[in-house]
Amino acid sequence: MNHSDDPKRNPHVSRTLLRRGAKFDFELLTLAGADGTPLTREIIRHRGSVVILPILEVPGKAPQVVFIRNFRPSCESWLLELPAGTLEPGEDPGVCAGRELEEETGYKAATLTPLTRFHTSPGMTDELMGAYLATGLTPVGQSLEADERILPVPIPASECFSLIRRGDLADGKSMLTLLLAARMGLISIE
């Protein structure tokens, strides 16, 4: 039996659309608690996203990770993170990864390798994010959307773990992707 079909594991009573957004929908979910008492949860419905780990190989230099410095209004600050983006309706995640890499960093990848998929914050959203390794980068120039304020920041891969330890890289999707790639032997971040 699929867990989503098991009424003991999926105690939904009702769903109410609160607001349809440009990229997300906001829903009020009513559940039956263990004792039957109704519980409500505000949920963000998301069409999916990708995060990309771009590795820049420069002759005579150690490999670099192309991060972005991105202004995040929700945090009211500039964050260092890996490039990422939301899927367009019906878009293949690999296509989205290539598009977002070019838009945000100004690099095109010869190869995009899927690494994993994960739920970003299952307590509040159903967002499923795909992580990709991008190699064979060639510069093509950024193509930012009107509302984006993004600066590409190449950093030696060997410095990435220190960024995490110091708290200079505090973005969860970026940390997970870097640590997974290091564990898989795809990059050395020590």
N, C-alpha and C. Protein backbone atom coordinates (compact mmCIF):
# COMPACT_ATOMS: atom_id res chain seq x y z
N MET A 1 0.84 -1.19 0.00
CA MET A 1 0.00 0.00 0.00
C MET A 1 0.88 1.25 0.00
N ASN A 2 0.55 2.22 -0.80
CA ASN A 2 1.22 3.51 -0.85
C ASN A 2 0.83 4.29 0.41
N HIS A 3 1.83 4.89 1.10
CA HIS A 3 1.54 5.63 2.34
C HIS A 3 0.50 6.72 2.13
N SER A 4 0.50 7.36 0.95
CA SER A 4 -0.47 8.43 0.73
C SER A 4 -1.89 7.90 0.62
N ASP A 5 -2.06 6.60 0.40
CA ASP A 5 -3.38 5.99 0.32
C ASP A 5 -3.84 5.41 1.65
N ASP A 6 -2.96 5.37 2.63
CA ASP A 6 -3.29 4.79 3.92
C ASP A 6 -3.95 5.85 4.81
N PRO A 7 -5.24 5.68 5.15
CA PRO A 7 -5.93 6.71 5.93
C PRO A 7 -5.31 6.97 7.30
N LYS A 8 -4.58 6.00 7.85
CA LYS A 8 -3.93 6.21 9.15
C LYS A 8 -2.72 7.13 9.02
N ARG A 9 -2.14 7.19 7.84
CA ARG A 9 -0.96 8.02 7.62
C ARG A 9 -1.30 9.33 6.92
N ASN A 10 -2.48 9.43 6.35
CA ASN A 10 -2.86 10.59 5.56
C ASN A 10 -4.23 11.08 6.01
N PRO A 11 -4.30 11.69 7.19
CA PRO A 11 -5.60 12.02 7.79
C PRO A 11 -6.20 13.35 7.32
N HIS A 12 -6.12 13.67 6.02
CA HIS A 12 -6.68 14.92 5.52
C HIS A 12 -8.20 14.92 5.63
N VAL A 13 -8.72 16.00 6.10
CA VAL A 13 -10.16 16.18 6.16
C VAL A 13 -10.60 17.13 5.04
N SER A 14 -9.88 18.26 4.91
CA SER A 14 -10.24 19.20 3.85
C SER A 14 -9.05 20.06 3.47
N ARG A 15 -9.15 20.64 2.26
CA ARG A 15 -8.15 21.57 1.75
C ARG A 15 -8.89 22.82 1.28
N THR A 16 -8.38 23.98 1.64
CA THR A 16 -8.97 25.23 1.21
C THR A 16 -7.87 26.10 0.61
N LEU A 17 -8.04 26.50 -0.65
CA LEU A 17 -7.09 27.39 -1.29
C LEU A 17 -7.26 28.78 -0.69
N LEU A 18 -6.21 29.29 -0.06
CA LEU A 18 -6.26 30.63 0.53
C LEU A 18 -5.88 31.71 -0.48
N ARG A 19 -4.87 31.39 -1.30
CA ARG A 19 -4.40 32.36 -2.28
C ARG A 19 -3.60 31.65 -3.35
N ARG A 20 -3.86 32.02 -4.59
CA ARG A 20 -3.06 31.52 -5.70
C ARG A 20 -2.00 32.57 -6.00
N GLY A 21 -0.74 32.19 -5.91
CA GLY A 21 0.35 33.12 -6.15
C GLY A 21 0.97 32.91 -7.51
N ALA A 22 1.91 33.77 -7.86
CA ALA A 22 2.59 33.67 -9.15
C ALA A 22 3.41 32.39 -9.25
N LYS A 23 4.06 31.99 -8.15
CA LYS A 23 4.89 30.78 -8.15
C LYS A 23 4.41 29.73 -7.17
N PHE A 24 3.65 30.14 -6.16
CA PHE A 24 3.22 29.22 -5.11
C PHE A 24 1.73 29.41 -4.86
N ASP A 25 1.11 28.38 -4.31
CA ASP A 25 -0.26 28.49 -3.82
C ASP A 25 -0.23 28.31 -2.31
N PHE A 26 -1.13 28.98 -1.63
CA PHE A 26 -1.21 28.91 -0.18
C PHE A 26 -2.52 28.21 0.17
N GLU A 27 -2.42 27.18 0.99
CA GLU A 27 -3.56 26.31 1.25
C GLU A 27 -3.72 26.10 2.76
N LEU A 28 -4.96 26.03 3.20
CA LEU A 28 -5.26 25.67 4.58
C LEU A 28 -5.67 24.21 4.56
N LEU A 29 -4.91 23.40 5.25
CA LEU A 29 -5.15 21.96 5.30
C LEU A 29 -5.72 21.63 6.67
N THR A 30 -6.85 20.95 6.69
CA THR A 30 -7.44 20.50 7.95
C THR A 30 -7.21 19.00 8.05
N LEU A 31 -6.68 18.56 9.17
CA LEU A 31 -6.33 17.17 9.41
C LEU A 31 -7.09 16.66 10.63
N ALA A 32 -7.20 15.36 10.72
CA ALA A 32 -7.72 14.75 11.94
C ALA A 32 -6.53 14.38 12.81
N GLY A 33 -6.50 14.89 14.03
CA GLY A 33 -5.44 14.54 14.96
C GLY A 33 -5.57 13.10 15.40
N ALA A 34 -4.62 12.61 16.16
CA ALA A 34 -4.63 11.22 16.62
C ALA A 34 -5.90 10.90 17.40
N ASP A 35 -6.43 11.89 18.11
CA ASP A 35 -7.66 11.66 18.88
C ASP A 35 -8.92 12.09 18.12
N GLY A 36 -8.75 12.44 16.84
CA GLY A 36 -9.89 12.86 16.02
C GLY A 36 -10.14 14.35 16.02
N THR A 37 -9.44 15.10 16.86
CA THR A 37 -9.60 16.55 16.92
C THR A 37 -9.08 17.18 15.63
N PRO A 38 -9.83 18.10 15.02
CA PRO A 38 -9.35 18.75 13.81
C PRO A 38 -8.13 19.65 14.09
N LEU A 39 -7.14 19.56 13.22
CA LEU A 39 -5.94 20.38 13.29
C LEU A 39 -5.82 21.13 11.97
N THR A 40 -5.37 22.37 11.99
CA THR A 40 -5.18 23.10 10.74
C THR A 40 -3.70 23.39 10.54
N ARG A 41 -3.30 23.36 9.27
CA ARG A 41 -1.93 23.67 8.89
C ARG A 41 -1.98 24.56 7.65
N GLU A 42 -1.18 25.61 7.66
CA GLU A 42 -1.03 26.46 6.48
C GLU A 42 0.13 25.89 5.66
N ILE A 43 -0.15 25.58 4.41
CA ILE A 43 0.81 24.88 3.55
C ILE A 43 1.11 25.72 2.31
N ILE A 44 2.36 25.72 1.89
CA ILE A 44 2.75 26.33 0.62
C ILE A 44 2.86 25.21 -0.39
N ARG A 45 2.07 25.28 -1.46
CA ARG A 45 2.13 24.30 -2.55
C ARG A 45 3.09 24.85 -3.60
N HIS A 46 4.04 24.02 -4.00
CA HIS A 46 5.15 24.46 -4.85
C HIS A 46 5.28 23.51 -6.03
N ARG A 47 5.60 24.04 -7.21
CA ARG A 47 5.70 23.17 -8.40
C ARG A 47 7.06 22.51 -8.56
N GLY A 48 7.98 22.76 -7.63
CA GLY A 48 9.29 22.11 -7.68
C GLY A 48 10.39 23.09 -8.04
N SER A 49 11.62 22.68 -7.77
CA SER A 49 12.76 23.58 -7.97
C SER A 49 14.03 22.78 -8.17
N VAL A 50 15.10 23.50 -8.47
CA VAL A 50 16.42 22.89 -8.65
C VAL A 50 17.48 23.75 -7.97
N VAL A 51 18.58 23.11 -7.60
CA VAL A 51 19.78 23.80 -7.13
C VAL A 51 20.94 23.22 -7.94
N ILE A 52 21.88 24.08 -8.30
CA ILE A 52 22.96 23.67 -9.19
C ILE A 52 24.31 23.93 -8.52
N LEU A 53 25.20 22.92 -8.57
CA LEU A 53 26.57 23.05 -8.08
C LEU A 53 27.48 23.21 -9.30
N PRO A 54 27.81 24.46 -9.68
CA PRO A 54 28.65 24.69 -10.85
C PRO A 54 30.14 24.65 -10.49
N ILE A 55 30.88 23.79 -11.17
CA ILE A 55 32.32 23.66 -10.93
C ILE A 55 33.05 24.30 -12.10
N LEU A 56 33.81 25.33 -11.81
CA LEU A 56 34.56 26.06 -12.83
C LEU A 56 36.01 25.58 -12.82
N GLU A 57 36.44 25.02 -13.92
CA GLU A 57 37.82 24.56 -14.09
C GLU A 57 38.58 25.63 -14.86
N VAL A 58 39.57 26.22 -14.22
CA VAL A 58 40.40 27.23 -14.86
C VAL A 58 41.82 26.68 -14.92
N PRO A 59 42.43 26.62 -16.12
CA PRO A 59 43.79 26.08 -16.22
C PRO A 59 44.75 26.78 -15.26
N GLY A 60 45.51 25.97 -14.53
CA GLY A 60 46.49 26.49 -13.59
C GLY A 60 45.92 26.87 -12.23
N LYS A 61 44.61 26.70 -12.04
CA LYS A 61 43.98 27.04 -10.76
C LYS A 61 43.22 25.84 -10.23
N ALA A 62 43.01 25.85 -8.92
CA ALA A 62 42.18 24.81 -8.30
C ALA A 62 40.73 25.02 -8.75
N PRO A 63 39.93 23.94 -8.76
CA PRO A 63 38.51 24.08 -9.14
C PRO A 63 37.79 25.09 -8.25
N GLN A 64 36.89 25.84 -8.86
CA GLN A 64 36.11 26.82 -8.13
C GLN A 64 34.63 26.47 -8.22
N VAL A 65 33.91 26.79 -7.16
CA VAL A 65 32.45 26.68 -7.15
C VAL A 65 31.91 28.07 -7.47
N VAL A 66 31.01 28.14 -8.44
CA VAL A 66 30.41 29.43 -8.78
C VAL A 66 29.16 29.61 -7.93
N PHE A 67 29.32 30.36 -6.84
CA PHE A 67 28.19 30.72 -5.98
C PHE A 67 27.54 31.97 -6.56
N ILE A 68 26.43 32.35 -5.95
CA ILE A 68 25.83 33.65 -6.23
C ILE A 68 25.61 34.36 -4.91
N ARG A 69 25.69 35.66 -4.94
CA ARG A 69 25.27 36.47 -3.80
C ARG A 69 23.93 37.05 -4.23
N ASN A 70 22.90 36.68 -3.48
CA ASN A 70 21.52 36.91 -3.88
C ASN A 70 20.79 37.68 -2.79
N PHE A 71 20.13 38.77 -3.14
CA PHE A 71 19.36 39.49 -2.14
C PHE A 71 18.06 38.75 -1.89
N ARG A 72 17.83 38.36 -0.63
CA ARG A 72 16.62 37.62 -0.25
C ARG A 72 15.74 38.52 0.62
N PRO A 73 14.64 39.04 0.06
CA PRO A 73 13.78 39.93 0.83
C PRO A 73 13.26 39.30 2.13
N SER A 74 12.99 37.99 2.12
CA SER A 74 12.47 37.34 3.33
C SER A 74 13.47 37.41 4.48
N CYS A 75 14.76 37.39 4.17
CA CYS A 75 15.82 37.47 5.18
C CYS A 75 16.33 38.90 5.35
N GLU A 76 15.91 39.78 4.45
CA GLU A 76 16.36 41.17 4.43
C GLU A 76 17.87 41.27 4.39
N SER A 77 18.49 40.38 3.58
CA SER A 77 19.95 40.41 3.47
C SER A 77 20.41 39.70 2.19
N TRP A 78 21.68 39.90 1.90
CA TRP A 78 22.33 39.21 0.79
C TRP A 78 22.85 37.88 1.31
N LEU A 79 22.52 36.79 0.64
CA LEU A 79 22.98 35.47 1.03
C LEU A 79 23.92 34.90 -0.02
N LEU A 80 24.93 34.18 0.45
CA LEU A 80 25.78 33.41 -0.44
C LEU A 80 25.10 32.06 -0.61
N GLU A 81 24.89 31.64 -1.85
CA GLU A 81 24.21 30.38 -2.09
C GLU A 81 24.56 29.86 -3.48
N LEU A 82 24.20 28.62 -3.73
CA LEU A 82 24.33 28.06 -5.06
C LEU A 82 23.17 28.56 -5.91
N PRO A 83 23.36 28.66 -7.23
CA PRO A 83 22.25 29.07 -8.08
C PRO A 83 21.11 28.06 -7.99
N ALA A 84 19.89 28.57 -8.10
CA ALA A 84 18.70 27.72 -7.95
C ALA A 84 17.53 28.41 -8.61
N GLY A 85 16.44 27.68 -8.77
CA GLY A 85 15.25 28.30 -9.32
C GLY A 85 14.05 27.38 -9.32
N THR A 86 12.91 27.98 -9.59
CA THR A 86 11.62 27.28 -9.61
C THR A 86 11.31 26.78 -11.01
N LEU A 87 10.78 25.57 -11.09
CA LEU A 87 10.36 25.00 -12.37
C LEU A 87 9.22 25.81 -12.96
N GLU A 88 9.25 26.00 -14.27
CA GLU A 88 8.10 26.53 -14.98
C GLU A 88 7.08 25.40 -15.08
N PRO A 89 5.78 25.69 -15.23
CA PRO A 89 4.79 24.61 -15.34
C PRO A 89 5.17 23.62 -16.45
N GLY A 90 5.26 22.34 -16.08
CA GLY A 90 5.57 21.27 -17.03
C GLY A 90 7.03 21.17 -17.42
N GLU A 91 7.90 21.99 -16.85
CA GLU A 91 9.31 22.01 -17.23
C GLU A 91 10.07 20.83 -16.63
N ASP A 92 10.96 20.25 -17.41
CA ASP A 92 11.85 19.19 -16.94
C ASP A 92 12.88 19.80 -15.99
N PRO A 93 13.14 19.16 -14.83
CA PRO A 93 14.10 19.72 -13.88
C PRO A 93 15.49 19.96 -14.48
N GLY A 94 15.96 19.07 -15.34
CA GLY A 94 17.27 19.26 -15.96
C GLY A 94 17.32 20.49 -16.86
N VAL A 95 16.24 20.73 -17.57
CA VAL A 95 16.13 21.92 -18.41
C VAL A 95 16.14 23.17 -17.54
N CYS A 96 15.39 23.11 -16.44
CA CYS A 96 15.35 24.23 -15.50
C CYS A 96 16.75 24.50 -14.92
N ALA A 97 17.48 23.45 -14.58
CA ALA A 97 18.82 23.61 -14.02
C ALA A 97 19.73 24.35 -15.01
N GLY A 98 19.69 23.95 -16.27
CA GLY A 98 20.51 24.63 -17.28
C GLY A 98 20.12 26.08 -17.46
N ARG A 99 18.82 26.33 -17.49
CA ARG A 99 18.30 27.70 -17.66
C ARG A 99 18.71 28.59 -16.49
N GLU A 100 18.50 28.10 -15.26
CA GLU A 100 18.82 28.90 -14.08
C GLU A 100 20.33 29.14 -13.96
N LEU A 101 21.14 28.15 -14.29
CA LEU A 101 22.59 28.32 -14.25
C LEU A 101 23.01 29.47 -15.15
N GLU A 102 22.51 29.47 -16.39
CA GLU A 102 22.87 30.52 -17.33
C GLU A 102 22.36 31.88 -16.88
N GLU A 103 21.09 31.94 -16.46
CA GLU A 103 20.51 33.22 -16.04
C GLU A 103 21.26 33.83 -14.87
N GLU A 104 21.54 33.03 -13.85
CA GLU A 104 22.07 33.56 -12.60
C GLU A 104 23.59 33.71 -12.56
N THR A 105 24.31 32.81 -13.23
CA THR A 105 25.77 32.87 -13.15
C THR A 105 26.43 33.37 -14.43
N GLY A 106 25.72 33.26 -15.55
CA GLY A 106 26.32 33.62 -16.83
C GLY A 106 27.18 32.52 -17.41
N TYR A 107 27.02 31.28 -16.92
CA TYR A 107 27.75 30.13 -17.45
C TYR A 107 26.79 29.10 -18.02
N LYS A 108 27.24 28.45 -19.10
CA LYS A 108 26.50 27.32 -19.68
C LYS A 108 27.29 26.06 -19.36
N ALA A 109 26.60 24.99 -18.99
CA ALA A 109 27.26 23.73 -18.63
C ALA A 109 27.27 22.77 -19.82
N ALA A 110 28.41 22.12 -20.05
CA ALA A 110 28.48 21.05 -21.04
C ALA A 110 27.75 19.82 -20.51
N THR A 111 27.82 19.62 -19.18
CA THR A 111 27.19 18.45 -18.55
C THR A 111 26.47 18.86 -17.28
N LEU A 112 25.23 18.40 -17.15
CA LEU A 112 24.44 18.55 -15.92
C LEU A 112 24.13 17.15 -15.42
N THR A 113 24.62 16.82 -14.23
CA THR A 113 24.44 15.49 -13.66
C THR A 113 23.51 15.56 -12.46
N PRO A 114 22.38 14.84 -12.49
CA PRO A 114 21.50 14.84 -11.31
C PRO A 114 22.18 14.14 -10.13
N LEU A 115 22.08 14.75 -8.94
CA LEU A 115 22.68 14.19 -7.73
C LEU A 115 21.64 13.56 -6.82
N THR A 116 20.56 14.27 -6.55
CA THR A 116 19.50 13.76 -5.67
C THR A 116 18.30 14.68 -5.76
N ARG A 117 17.23 14.30 -5.07
CA ARG A 117 16.05 15.15 -4.88
C ARG A 117 15.71 15.14 -3.40
N PHE A 118 15.20 16.26 -2.90
CA PHE A 118 14.89 16.33 -1.47
C PHE A 118 13.77 17.33 -1.23
N HIS A 119 13.06 17.14 -0.11
CA HIS A 119 12.04 18.09 0.32
C HIS A 119 12.76 19.22 1.07
N THR A 120 12.49 20.45 0.69
CA THR A 120 13.21 21.58 1.27
C THR A 120 12.80 21.91 2.70
N SER A 121 11.53 21.85 2.99
CA SER A 121 11.03 22.18 4.33
C SER A 121 9.65 21.56 4.50
N PRO A 122 9.59 20.23 4.70
CA PRO A 122 8.31 19.51 4.66
C PRO A 122 7.32 19.89 5.74
N GLY A 123 7.72 20.66 6.73
CA GLY A 123 6.77 21.13 7.73
C GLY A 123 5.87 22.24 7.22
N MET A 124 6.26 22.87 6.10
CA MET A 124 5.46 23.99 5.61
C MET A 124 5.21 23.99 4.11
N THR A 125 5.92 23.12 3.36
CA THR A 125 5.75 23.11 1.91
C THR A 125 5.96 21.72 1.34
N ASP A 126 5.37 21.48 0.16
CA ASP A 126 5.59 20.21 -0.53
C ASP A 126 6.69 20.33 -1.59
N GLU A 127 7.46 21.42 -1.54
CA GLU A 127 8.51 21.66 -2.53
C GLU A 127 9.49 20.49 -2.58
N LEU A 128 9.71 19.98 -3.79
CA LEU A 128 10.70 18.93 -4.04
C LEU A 128 11.77 19.56 -4.92
N MET A 129 13.02 19.53 -4.44
CA MET A 129 14.12 20.18 -5.14
C MET A 129 15.08 19.13 -5.68
N GLY A 130 15.48 19.30 -6.92
CA GLY A 130 16.49 18.45 -7.54
C GLY A 130 17.84 19.13 -7.49
N ALA A 131 18.89 18.39 -7.13
CA ALA A 131 20.25 18.94 -7.07
C ALA A 131 21.04 18.41 -8.27
N TYR A 132 21.79 19.30 -8.91
CA TYR A 132 22.55 18.97 -10.11
C TYR A 132 23.99 19.44 -9.98
N LEU A 133 24.91 18.66 -10.55
CA LEU A 133 26.31 19.05 -10.70
C LEU A 133 26.48 19.57 -12.11
N ALA A 134 27.05 20.76 -12.26
CA ALA A 134 27.28 21.37 -13.57
C ALA A 134 28.78 21.45 -13.82
N THR A 135 29.22 20.86 -14.93
CA THR A 135 30.64 20.86 -15.28
C THR A 135 30.80 21.29 -16.74
N GLY A 136 32.05 21.55 -17.11
CA GLY A 136 32.32 22.01 -18.47
C GLY A 136 31.71 23.38 -18.73
N LEU A 137 31.96 24.32 -17.82
CA LEU A 137 31.33 25.63 -17.89
C LEU A 137 32.00 26.54 -18.91
N THR A 138 31.18 27.23 -19.68
CA THR A 138 31.66 28.27 -20.60
C THR A 138 30.86 29.54 -20.35
N PRO A 139 31.52 30.71 -20.37
CA PRO A 139 30.81 31.96 -20.10
C PRO A 139 29.88 32.34 -21.26
N VAL A 140 28.65 32.75 -20.90
CA VAL A 140 27.67 33.21 -21.89
C VAL A 140 27.03 34.53 -21.48
N GLY A 141 27.28 34.98 -20.26
CA GLY A 141 26.69 36.23 -19.76
C GLY A 141 25.40 35.98 -19.01
N GLN A 142 25.20 36.73 -17.94
CA GLN A 142 23.98 36.61 -17.13
C GLN A 142 22.76 37.08 -17.92
N SER A 143 21.61 36.55 -17.55
CA SER A 143 20.34 36.95 -18.15
C SER A 143 19.30 37.02 -17.03
N LEU A 144 19.44 38.03 -16.18
CA LEU A 144 18.60 38.13 -14.98
C LEU A 144 17.20 38.61 -15.31
N GLU A 145 16.25 38.15 -14.49
CA GLU A 145 14.89 38.66 -14.57
C GLU A 145 14.88 40.05 -13.95
N ALA A 146 13.86 40.85 -14.27
CA ALA A 146 13.80 42.25 -13.84
C ALA A 146 13.91 42.42 -12.32
N ASP A 147 13.38 41.45 -11.56
CA ASP A 147 13.36 41.59 -10.10
C ASP A 147 14.55 40.92 -9.42
N GLU A 148 15.50 40.38 -10.18
CA GLU A 148 16.63 39.67 -9.57
C GLU A 148 17.84 40.59 -9.38
N ARG A 149 18.46 40.46 -8.23
CA ARG A 149 19.70 41.16 -7.89
C ARG A 149 20.70 40.09 -7.48
N ILE A 150 21.48 39.61 -8.44
CA ILE A 150 22.35 38.45 -8.22
C ILE A 150 23.75 38.74 -8.73
N LEU A 151 24.75 38.42 -7.91
CA LEU A 151 26.15 38.58 -8.29
C LEU A 151 26.83 37.22 -8.28
N PRO A 152 27.44 36.77 -9.39
CA PRO A 152 28.20 35.52 -9.37
C PRO A 152 29.48 35.69 -8.54
N VAL A 153 29.80 34.66 -7.74
CA VAL A 153 30.97 34.71 -6.85
C VAL A 153 31.71 33.37 -6.93
N PRO A 154 32.74 33.26 -7.79
CA PRO A 154 33.53 32.03 -7.81
C PRO A 154 34.42 31.95 -6.57
N ILE A 155 34.40 30.79 -5.91
CA ILE A 155 35.18 30.57 -4.69
C ILE A 155 35.89 29.23 -4.82
N PRO A 156 37.18 29.16 -4.48
CA PRO A 156 37.87 27.86 -4.55
C PRO A 156 37.09 26.79 -3.77
N ALA A 157 36.93 25.64 -4.40
CA ALA A 157 36.17 24.54 -3.77
C ALA A 157 36.76 24.18 -2.41
N SER A 158 38.07 24.29 -2.28
CA SER A 158 38.73 23.93 -1.03
C SER A 158 38.32 24.82 0.15
N GLU A 159 37.70 25.96 -0.12
CA GLU A 159 37.28 26.88 0.95
C GLU A 159 35.82 26.68 1.38
N CYS A 160 35.09 25.83 0.68
CA CYS A 160 33.65 25.72 0.92
C CYS A 160 33.29 25.21 2.31
N PHE A 161 34.02 24.22 2.82
CA PHE A 161 33.69 23.70 4.14
C PHE A 161 33.91 24.78 5.20
N SER A 162 34.97 25.57 5.05
CA SER A 162 35.22 26.67 5.99
C SER A 162 34.10 27.70 5.96
N LEU A 163 33.55 27.95 4.78
CA LEU A 163 32.41 28.88 4.67
C LEU A 163 31.23 28.39 5.50
N ILE A 164 30.99 27.08 5.43
CA ILE A 164 29.88 26.49 6.19
C ILE A 164 30.17 26.60 7.69
N ARG A 165 31.37 26.21 8.09
CA ARG A 165 31.74 26.21 9.52
C ARG A 165 31.66 27.60 10.14
N ARG A 166 32.06 28.62 9.38
CA ARG A 166 32.04 30.00 9.88
C ARG A 166 30.64 30.62 9.85
N GLY A 167 29.72 29.98 9.16
CA GLY A 167 28.38 30.55 9.03
C GLY A 167 28.25 31.53 7.88
N ASP A 168 29.28 31.64 7.05
CA ASP A 168 29.22 32.54 5.89
C ASP A 168 28.35 31.95 4.79
N LEU A 169 28.20 30.65 4.79
CA LEU A 169 27.28 29.95 3.89
C LEU A 169 26.24 29.30 4.78
N ALA A 170 25.07 29.92 4.87
CA ALA A 170 24.04 29.47 5.80
C ALA A 170 22.77 29.01 5.08
N ASP A 171 22.86 28.81 3.79
CA ASP A 171 21.72 28.38 2.98
C ASP A 171 21.67 26.85 2.95
N GLY A 172 20.57 26.27 3.42
CA GLY A 172 20.46 24.82 3.57
C GLY A 172 20.64 24.03 2.29
N LYS A 173 20.01 24.47 1.21
CA LYS A 173 20.11 23.72 -0.05
C LYS A 173 21.54 23.69 -0.56
N SER A 174 22.26 24.80 -0.35
CA SER A 174 23.65 24.88 -0.79
C SER A 174 24.54 23.99 0.05
N MET A 175 24.34 24.01 1.37
CA MET A 175 25.14 23.16 2.25
C MET A 175 24.90 21.68 1.93
N LEU A 176 23.65 21.29 1.80
CA LEU A 176 23.33 19.90 1.51
C LEU A 176 23.97 19.45 0.20
N THR A 177 23.85 20.26 -0.84
CA THR A 177 24.39 19.89 -2.15
C THR A 177 25.90 19.79 -2.12
N LEU A 178 26.57 20.74 -1.49
CA LEU A 178 28.03 20.69 -1.38
C LEU A 178 28.50 19.46 -0.60
N LEU A 179 27.88 19.23 0.55
CA LEU A 179 28.30 18.10 1.39
C LEU A 179 28.01 16.77 0.72
N LEU A 180 26.89 16.67 0.00
CA LEU A 180 26.59 15.44 -0.74
C LEU A 180 27.62 15.21 -1.84
N ALA A 181 27.91 16.24 -2.61
CA ALA A 181 28.89 16.10 -3.70
C ALA A 181 30.26 15.72 -3.15
N ALA A 182 30.65 16.29 -2.01
CA ALA A 182 31.93 15.94 -1.39
C ALA A 182 31.91 14.48 -0.94
N ARG A 183 30.82 14.06 -0.33
CA ARG A 183 30.70 12.67 0.14
C ARG A 183 30.73 11.69 -1.02
N MET A 184 30.20 12.10 -2.17
CA MET A 184 30.19 11.25 -3.37
C MET A 184 31.54 11.26 -4.08
N GLY A 185 32.48 12.08 -3.59
CA GLY A 185 33.81 12.16 -4.19
C GLY A 185 33.85 13.00 -5.46
N LEU A 186 32.84 13.84 -5.68
CA LEU A 186 32.77 14.66 -6.88
C LEU A 186 33.52 15.98 -6.75
N ILE A 187 33.77 16.37 -5.50
CA ILE A 187 34.43 17.64 -5.23
C ILE A 187 35.13 17.52 -3.88
N SER A 188 36.26 18.22 -3.74
CA SER A 188 36.97 18.25 -2.46
C SER A 188 36.77 19.62 -1.85
N ILE A 189 36.11 19.66 -0.68
CA ILE A 189 35.81 20.95 -0.04
C ILE A 189 36.57 21.13 1.26
N GLU A 190 37.45 20.24 1.59
CA GLU A 190 38.21 20.33 2.86
C GLU A 190 39.33 21.32 2.75
